[in-house]
Amino acid sequence: MKRYIVDNEGNLLEVTDLKAAIFQVAMYLTYEIKNPTKEEEAFHKKRLSYWKDIYSKLVILKQDADKATAIN
């Protein structure tokens, strides 16, 4: 079964490996920029918001998949 999410920029993303995707995004959420310039800080803030949105949508997909598995 194909799974998709829509990112906060309106792009449709296919999730081919849900477990790996959650792990990878969790890693992205830990990245920090040391001594950022104002531009880097603004970029990082925008990207962090993006990855938090993706992570929450992936977790919802996993919860839905777990519920479907429990029902069957």
N, C-alpha and C. Protein backbone atom coordinates (compact mmCIF):
# COMPACT_ATOMS: atom_id res chain seq x y z
N MET A 1 0.83 -1.18 0.00
CA MET A 1 0.00 0.00 0.00
C MET A 1 0.88 1.25 0.00
N LYS A 2 0.63 2.13 -0.93
CA LYS A 2 1.40 3.37 -1.01
C LYS A 2 0.86 4.37 0.02
N ARG A 3 1.79 5.09 0.63
CA ARG A 3 1.41 6.11 1.60
C ARG A 3 1.97 7.44 1.14
N TYR A 4 1.19 8.49 1.36
CA TYR A 4 1.60 9.82 0.95
C TYR A 4 1.32 10.82 2.06
N ILE A 5 2.11 11.87 2.08
CA ILE A 5 1.84 13.03 2.93
C ILE A 5 2.03 14.27 2.06
N VAL A 6 1.44 15.37 2.50
CA VAL A 6 1.62 16.65 1.83
C VAL A 6 2.41 17.54 2.78
N ASP A 7 3.55 18.04 2.31
CA ASP A 7 4.36 18.90 3.18
C ASP A 7 3.74 20.29 3.28
N ASN A 8 4.30 21.12 4.16
CA ASN A 8 3.72 22.45 4.38
C ASN A 8 3.99 23.42 3.23
N GLU A 9 4.65 22.94 2.18
CA GLU A 9 4.85 23.74 0.97
C GLU A 9 3.92 23.27 -0.15
N GLY A 10 3.06 22.28 0.17
CA GLY A 10 2.08 21.79 -0.80
C GLY A 10 2.56 20.66 -1.69
N ASN A 11 3.74 20.12 -1.42
CA ASN A 11 4.28 19.02 -2.23
C ASN A 11 3.78 17.67 -1.73
N LEU A 12 3.39 16.80 -2.65
CA LEU A 12 2.97 15.45 -2.32
C LEU A 12 4.21 14.57 -2.24
N LEU A 13 4.40 13.92 -1.10
CA LEU A 13 5.56 13.08 -0.87
C LEU A 13 5.13 11.64 -0.66
N GLU A 14 5.72 10.71 -1.40
CA GLU A 14 5.43 9.30 -1.21
C GLU A 14 6.36 8.77 -0.12
N VAL A 15 5.79 8.04 0.82
CA VAL A 15 6.57 7.45 1.91
C VAL A 15 6.75 5.97 1.58
N THR A 16 7.97 5.61 1.23
CA THR A 16 8.24 4.23 0.81
C THR A 16 8.67 3.34 1.97
N ASP A 17 9.27 3.92 3.00
CA ASP A 17 9.70 3.17 4.18
C ASP A 17 9.40 4.03 5.40
N LEU A 18 8.25 3.78 6.00
CA LEU A 18 7.76 4.64 7.08
C LEU A 18 8.70 4.66 8.28
N LYS A 19 9.17 3.51 8.69
CA LYS A 19 10.06 3.43 9.85
C LYS A 19 11.35 4.22 9.60
N ALA A 20 11.95 4.04 8.43
CA ALA A 20 13.18 4.75 8.09
C ALA A 20 12.93 6.25 7.97
N ALA A 21 11.78 6.63 7.43
CA ALA A 21 11.46 8.05 7.27
C ALA A 21 11.34 8.73 8.63
N ILE A 22 10.67 8.08 9.57
CA ILE A 22 10.53 8.64 10.91
C ILE A 22 11.91 8.79 11.56
N PHE A 23 12.74 7.78 11.43
CA PHE A 23 14.09 7.83 12.00
C PHE A 23 14.90 8.98 11.38
N GLN A 24 14.85 9.09 10.07
CA GLN A 24 15.63 10.11 9.37
C GLN A 24 15.17 11.52 9.76
N VAL A 25 13.87 11.73 9.81
CA VAL A 25 13.37 13.06 10.17
C VAL A 25 13.70 13.37 11.63
N ALA A 26 13.65 12.38 12.51
CA ALA A 26 14.03 12.59 13.90
C ALA A 26 15.48 13.07 13.99
N MET A 27 16.33 12.53 13.13
CA MET A 27 17.73 12.97 13.09
C MET A 27 17.82 14.42 12.61
N TYR A 28 17.05 14.77 11.57
CA TYR A 28 17.07 16.15 11.07
C TYR A 28 16.68 17.14 12.17
N LEU A 29 15.77 16.72 13.04
CA LEU A 29 15.30 17.61 14.10
C LEU A 29 16.38 17.91 15.14
N THR A 30 17.45 17.12 15.17
CA THR A 30 18.52 17.34 16.15
C THR A 30 19.62 18.25 15.61
N TYR A 31 19.62 18.53 14.33
CA TYR A 31 20.69 19.35 13.74
C TYR A 31 20.61 20.78 14.26
N GLU A 32 21.76 21.34 14.54
CA GLU A 32 21.85 22.73 14.98
C GLU A 32 22.97 23.43 14.23
N ILE A 33 22.85 24.73 14.11
CA ILE A 33 23.91 25.54 13.52
C ILE A 33 24.59 26.29 14.66
N LYS A 34 25.90 26.11 14.78
CA LYS A 34 26.63 26.82 15.84
C LYS A 34 26.98 28.22 15.36
N ASN A 35 26.70 29.18 16.21
CA ASN A 35 26.97 30.59 15.91
C ASN A 35 26.40 31.02 14.56
N PRO A 36 25.09 30.85 14.37
CA PRO A 36 24.50 31.19 13.07
C PRO A 36 24.43 32.69 12.83
N THR A 37 24.51 33.05 11.57
CA THR A 37 24.22 34.43 11.19
C THR A 37 22.71 34.60 11.25
N LYS A 38 22.23 35.81 11.11
CA LYS A 38 20.78 36.03 11.12
C LYS A 38 20.10 35.28 9.99
N GLU A 39 20.74 35.25 8.83
CA GLU A 39 20.18 34.55 7.68
C GLU A 39 20.13 33.04 7.93
N GLU A 40 21.21 32.50 8.50
CA GLU A 40 21.24 31.07 8.81
C GLU A 40 20.21 30.71 9.87
N GLU A 41 20.06 31.58 10.85
CA GLU A 41 19.08 31.35 11.90
C GLU A 41 17.66 31.34 11.34
N ALA A 42 17.37 32.27 10.45
CA ALA A 42 16.04 32.32 9.82
C ALA A 42 15.80 31.08 8.98
N PHE A 43 16.81 30.67 8.21
CA PHE A 43 16.69 29.47 7.39
C PHE A 43 16.48 28.24 8.27
N HIS A 44 17.26 28.13 9.33
CA HIS A 44 17.15 26.98 10.24
C HIS A 44 15.77 26.93 10.88
N LYS A 45 15.26 28.07 11.28
CA LYS A 45 13.92 28.13 11.90
C LYS A 45 12.86 27.64 10.92
N LYS A 46 12.97 28.07 9.66
CA LYS A 46 12.01 27.63 8.63
C LYS A 46 12.12 26.13 8.39
N ARG A 47 13.35 25.64 8.27
CA ARG A 47 13.56 24.20 8.03
C ARG A 47 13.11 23.37 9.22
N LEU A 48 13.34 23.85 10.43
CA LEU A 48 12.90 23.14 11.62
C LEU A 48 11.38 23.01 11.65
N SER A 49 10.70 24.08 11.29
CA SER A 49 9.25 24.05 11.20
C SER A 49 8.80 23.02 10.16
N TYR A 50 9.49 23.00 9.02
CA TYR A 50 9.19 22.05 7.96
C TYR A 50 9.33 20.62 8.46
N TRP A 51 10.46 20.30 9.10
CA TRP A 51 10.70 18.92 9.54
C TRP A 51 9.78 18.52 10.69
N LYS A 52 9.40 19.45 11.56
CA LYS A 52 8.44 19.14 12.62
C LYS A 52 7.09 18.77 12.02
N ASP A 53 6.69 19.49 10.98
CA ASP A 53 5.44 19.20 10.28
C ASP A 53 5.50 17.80 9.63
N ILE A 54 6.59 17.51 8.95
CA ILE A 54 6.76 16.20 8.32
C ILE A 54 6.73 15.10 9.38
N TYR A 55 7.45 15.31 10.48
CA TYR A 55 7.51 14.30 11.54
C TYR A 55 6.12 14.01 12.10
N SER A 56 5.35 15.04 12.37
CA SER A 56 4.01 14.82 12.93
C SER A 56 3.12 14.06 11.95
N LYS A 57 3.25 14.34 10.67
CA LYS A 57 2.46 13.62 9.67
C LYS A 57 2.90 12.17 9.53
N LEU A 58 4.19 11.92 9.65
CA LEU A 58 4.68 10.54 9.60
C LEU A 58 4.20 9.74 10.81
N VAL A 59 4.21 10.37 11.97
CA VAL A 59 3.73 9.70 13.18
C VAL A 59 2.25 9.35 13.05
N ILE A 60 1.47 10.24 12.49
CA ILE A 60 0.04 9.97 12.26
C ILE A 60 -0.12 8.79 11.31
N LEU A 61 0.69 8.75 10.24
CA LEU A 61 0.65 7.60 9.32
C LEU A 61 0.96 6.31 10.06
N LYS A 62 1.96 6.34 10.93
CA LYS A 62 2.33 5.14 11.68
C LYS A 62 1.20 4.72 12.61
N GLN A 63 0.60 5.67 13.30
CA GLN A 63 -0.52 5.35 14.20
C GLN A 63 -1.67 4.73 13.42
N ASP A 64 -1.97 5.28 12.25
CA ASP A 64 -3.04 4.73 11.41
C ASP A 64 -2.69 3.32 10.94
N ALA A 65 -1.43 3.11 10.57
CA ALA A 65 -0.99 1.78 10.12
C ALA A 65 -1.06 0.79 11.27
N ASP A 66 -0.68 1.22 12.47
CA ASP A 66 -0.74 0.34 13.64
C ASP A 66 -2.18 -0.03 13.97
N LYS A 67 -3.09 0.93 13.86
CA LYS A 67 -4.51 0.66 14.11
C LYS A 67 -5.05 -0.34 13.09
N ALA A 68 -4.68 -0.15 11.83
CA ALA A 68 -5.15 -1.06 10.78
C ALA A 68 -4.63 -2.47 11.01
N THR A 69 -3.39 -2.58 11.47
CA THR A 69 -2.81 -3.89 11.76
C THR A 69 -3.51 -4.54 12.94
N ALA A 70 -3.84 -3.75 13.95
CA ALA A 70 -4.50 -4.28 15.14
C ALA A 70 -5.91 -4.78 14.82
N ILE A 71 -6.57 -4.12 13.89
CA ILE A 71 -7.93 -4.51 13.51
C ILE A 71 -7.93 -5.83 12.76
N ASN A 72 -6.93 -6.02 11.92
CA ASN A 72 -6.86 -7.25 11.11
C ASN A 72 -6.33 -8.35 11.90
